[in-house]
Amino acid sequence: MEKDFRYNMLHIGDNFVDRVKSLGRLVKSPIRGIVLTYNIDELKKEQDKLIKRMGTRLVAIRKKGSEQNIFNDAIMKKLIDSFDTVQNKIDADIKERKERLYPPKS
């Protein structure tokens, strides 16, 4: 059923809001992709810093004594947990970005 001119004039505010909402959805999608890419880059930089800190800590532990202390060191455990957390975030963001770039065919 086609809406007549009078109906459109009475509901012009509703029509305007609907148009703004649809425009907002169109703008959000590319921006989310940019944000994901930026987040991935920042997380990779953080991951590199963690690797360097783990290397420094590993050298310090080995200078102190046996290699068994590596697995008992609280700081090293925290660094490894942080590394795992960052890696999981990177994987999730990459997956979301791929889904946005190459949506599954229905």
C-alpha atoms as a PDB file:
ATOM      1  CA  MET A   1       0.000   0.000   0.000  1.00  0.00           C
ATOM      2  CA  GLU A   2       1.477   3.276  -1.135  1.00  0.00           C
ATOM      3  CA  LYS A   3       1.501   6.142   1.326  1.00  0.00           C
ATOM      4  CA  ASP A   4      -0.025   9.377   0.074  1.00  0.00           C
ATOM      5  CA  PHE A   5       1.427  12.864   0.278  1.00  0.00           C
ATOM      6  CA  ARG A   6      -0.635  13.856   3.328  1.00  0.00           C
ATOM      7  CA  TYR A   7       0.602  10.843   5.312  1.00  0.00           C
ATOM      8  CA  ASN A   8       4.192  11.620   4.357  1.00  0.00           C
ATOM      9  CA  MET A   9       3.819  15.244   5.490  1.00  0.00           C
ATOM     10  CA  LEU A  10       2.316  14.194   8.812  1.00  0.00           C
ATOM     11  CA  HIS A  11       5.165  11.744   9.412  1.00  0.00           C
ATOM     12  CA  ILE A  12       8.039  13.740   7.946  1.00  0.00           C
ATOM     13  CA  GLY A  13       9.925  13.637  11.260  1.00  0.00           C
ATOM     14  CA  ASP A  14       9.677   9.857  11.394  1.00  0.00           C
ATOM     15  CA  ASN A  15      10.890   9.599   7.810  1.00  0.00           C
ATOM     16  CA  PHE A  16      13.826  11.880   8.597  1.00  0.00           C
ATOM     17  CA  VAL A  17      14.820   9.833  11.648  1.00  0.00           C
ATOM     18  CA  ASP A  18      14.622   6.612   9.616  1.00  0.00           C
ATOM     19  CA  ARG A  19      16.905   8.095   6.967  1.00  0.00           C
ATOM     20  CA  VAL A  20      19.416   9.284   9.567  1.00  0.00           C
ATOM     21  CA  LYS A  21      19.446   5.828  11.202  1.00  0.00           C
ATOM     22  CA  SER A  22      20.083   4.096   7.891  1.00  0.00           C
ATOM     23  CA  LEU A  23      22.849   6.584   7.082  1.00  0.00           C
ATOM     24  CA  GLY A  24      24.389   5.947  10.513  1.00  0.00           C
ATOM     25  CA  ARG A  25      24.497   2.212   9.789  1.00  0.00           C
ATOM     26  CA  LEU A  26      26.191   2.857   6.451  1.00  0.00           C
ATOM     27  CA  VAL A  27      28.848   5.034   8.072  1.00  0.00           C
ATOM     28  CA  LYS A  28      29.505   2.727  11.052  1.00  0.00           C
ATOM     29  CA  SER A  29      30.530  -0.295   9.009  1.00  0.00           C
ATOM     30  CA  PRO A  30      33.640   1.130   7.286  1.00  0.00           C
ATOM     31  CA  ILE A  31      34.685   2.942  10.451  1.00  0.00           C
ATOM     32  CA  ARG A  32      34.546  -0.326  12.417  1.00  0.00           C
ATOM     33  CA  GLY A  33      36.869  -1.900   9.843  1.00  0.00           C
ATOM     34  CA  ILE A  34      39.353   0.946  10.266  1.00  0.00           C
ATOM     35  CA  VAL A  35      39.183   0.674  14.052  1.00  0.00           C
ATOM     36  CA  LEU A  36      39.797  -3.089  13.846  1.00  0.00           C
ATOM     37  CA  THR A  37      42.858  -2.591  11.662  1.00  0.00           C
ATOM     38  CA  TYR A  38      44.219   0.047  14.018  1.00  0.00           C
ATOM     39  CA  ASN A  39      43.596  -2.212  17.041  1.00  0.00           C
ATOM     40  CA  ILE A  40      45.369  -5.117  15.370  1.00  0.00           C
ATOM     41  CA  ASP A  41      48.415  -2.951  14.655  1.00  0.00           C
ATOM     42  CA  GLU A  42      48.521  -1.644  18.233  1.00  0.00           C
ATOM     43  CA  LEU A  43      48.102  -5.134  19.684  1.00  0.00           C
ATOM     44  CA  LYS A  44      50.950  -6.433  17.531  1.00  0.00           C
ATOM     45  CA  LYS A  45      53.182  -3.639  18.833  1.00  0.00           C
ATOM     46  CA  GLU A  46      52.220  -4.556  22.390  1.00  0.00           C
ATOM     47  CA  GLN A  47      52.948  -8.199  21.602  1.00  0.00           C
ATOM     48  CA  ASP A  48      56.428  -7.275  20.367  1.00  0.00           C
ATOM     49  CA  LYS A  49      57.076  -5.368  23.602  1.00  0.00           C
ATOM     50  CA  LEU A  50      55.990  -8.391  25.622  1.00  0.00           C
ATOM     51  CA  ILE A  51      58.327 -10.645  23.650  1.00  0.00           C
ATOM     52  CA  LYS A  52      61.222  -8.299  24.362  1.00  0.00           C
ATOM     53  CA  ARG A  53      60.346  -8.207  28.073  1.00  0.00           C
ATOM     54  CA  MET A  54      60.124 -12.007  28.166  1.00  0.00           C
ATOM     55  CA  GLY A  55      63.544 -12.252  26.527  1.00  0.00           C
ATOM     56  CA  THR A  56      65.039  -9.836  29.022  1.00  0.00           C
ATOM     57  CA  ARG A  57      63.470 -11.725  31.904  1.00  0.00           C
ATOM     58  CA  LEU A  58      64.666 -15.051  30.502  1.00  0.00           C
ATOM     59  CA  VAL A  59      68.247 -13.783  30.366  1.00  0.00           C
ATOM     60  CA  ALA A  60      67.993 -12.526  33.947  1.00  0.00           C
ATOM     61  CA  ILE A  61      66.643 -15.864  35.177  1.00  0.00           C
ATOM     62  CA  ARG A  62      69.337 -17.866  33.382  1.00  0.00           C
ATOM     63  CA  LYS A  63      72.063 -15.676  34.893  1.00  0.00           C
ATOM     64  CA  LYS A  64      70.701 -16.400  38.359  1.00  0.00           C
ATOM     65  CA  GLY A  65      70.773 -20.147  38.144  1.00  0.00           C
ATOM     66  CA  SER A  66      69.137 -23.205  36.731  1.00  0.00           C
ATOM     67  CA  GLU A  67      66.723 -23.316  33.831  1.00  0.00           C
ATOM     68  CA  GLN A  68      64.013 -24.858  36.030  1.00  0.00           C
ATOM     69  CA  ASN A  69      63.417 -21.434  37.580  1.00  0.00           C
ATOM     70  CA  ILE A  70      61.900 -20.250  34.295  1.00  0.00           C
ATOM     71  CA  PHE A  71      58.722 -22.202  34.920  1.00  0.00           C
ATOM     72  CA  ASN A  72      58.480 -21.156  38.559  1.00  0.00           C
ATOM     73  CA  ASP A  73      59.027 -17.435  37.981  1.00  0.00           C
ATOM     74  CA  ALA A  74      55.896 -15.379  38.755  1.00  0.00           C
ATOM     75  CA  ILE A  75      56.884 -12.470  36.513  1.00  0.00           C
ATOM     76  CA  MET A  76      57.488 -14.779  33.563  1.00  0.00           C
ATOM     77  CA  LYS A  77      54.091 -16.411  34.119  1.00  0.00           C
ATOM     78  CA  LYS A  78      52.423 -12.970  34.077  1.00  0.00           C
ATOM     79  CA  LEU A  79      54.224 -12.059  30.861  1.00  0.00           C
ATOM     80  CA  ILE A  80      53.141 -15.315  29.210  1.00  0.00           C
ATOM     81  CA  ASP A  81      49.531 -14.804  30.353  1.00  0.00           C
ATOM     82  CA  SER A  82      49.602 -11.251  28.984  1.00  0.00           C
ATOM     83  CA  PHE A  83      51.021 -12.526  25.715  1.00  0.00           C
ATOM     84  CA  ASP A  84      48.236 -15.120  25.446  1.00  0.00           C
ATOM     85  CA  THR A  85      45.583 -12.495  26.166  1.00  0.00           C
ATOM     86  CA  VAL A  86      46.952 -10.152  23.501  1.00  0.00           C
ATOM     87  CA  GLN A  87      47.183 -13.016  21.002  1.00  0.00           C
ATOM     88  CA  ASN A  88      43.540 -13.962  21.640  1.00  0.00           C
ATOM     89  CA  LYS A  89      42.461 -10.344  21.066  1.00  0.00           C
ATOM     90  CA  ILE A  90      44.448 -10.210  17.822  1.00  0.00           C
ATOM     91  CA  ASP A  91      42.877 -13.456  16.614  1.00  0.00           C
ATOM     92  CA  ALA A  92      39.364 -12.224  17.446  1.00  0.00           C
ATOM     93  CA  ASP A  93      39.909  -8.880  15.686  1.00  0.00           C
ATOM     94  CA  ILE A  94      41.401 -10.554  12.605  1.00  0.00           C
ATOM     95  CA  LYS A  95      38.456 -12.941  12.445  1.00  0.00           C
ATOM     96  CA  GLU A  96      35.950 -10.070  12.712  1.00  0.00           C
ATOM     97  CA  ARG A  97      37.818  -8.065  10.072  1.00  0.00           C
ATOM     98  CA  LYS A  98      37.829 -11.039   7.670  1.00  0.00           C
ATOM     99  CA  GLU A  99      34.101 -11.533   8.224  1.00  0.00           C
ATOM    100  CA  ARG A 100      33.522  -7.868   7.412  1.00  0.00           C
ATOM    101  CA  LEU A 101      35.749  -7.928   4.331  1.00  0.00           C
ATOM    102  CA  TYR A 102      34.542 -11.279   3.047  1.00  0.00           C
ATOM    103  CA  PRO A 103      31.025 -11.864   4.361  1.00  0.00           C
ATOM    104  CA  PRO A 104      29.838 -15.474   4.157  1.00  0.00           C
ATOM    105  CA  LYS A 105      27.614 -16.144   1.203  1.00  0.00           C
ATOM    106  CA  SER A 106      24.113 -17.112   2.202  1.00  0.00           C
END
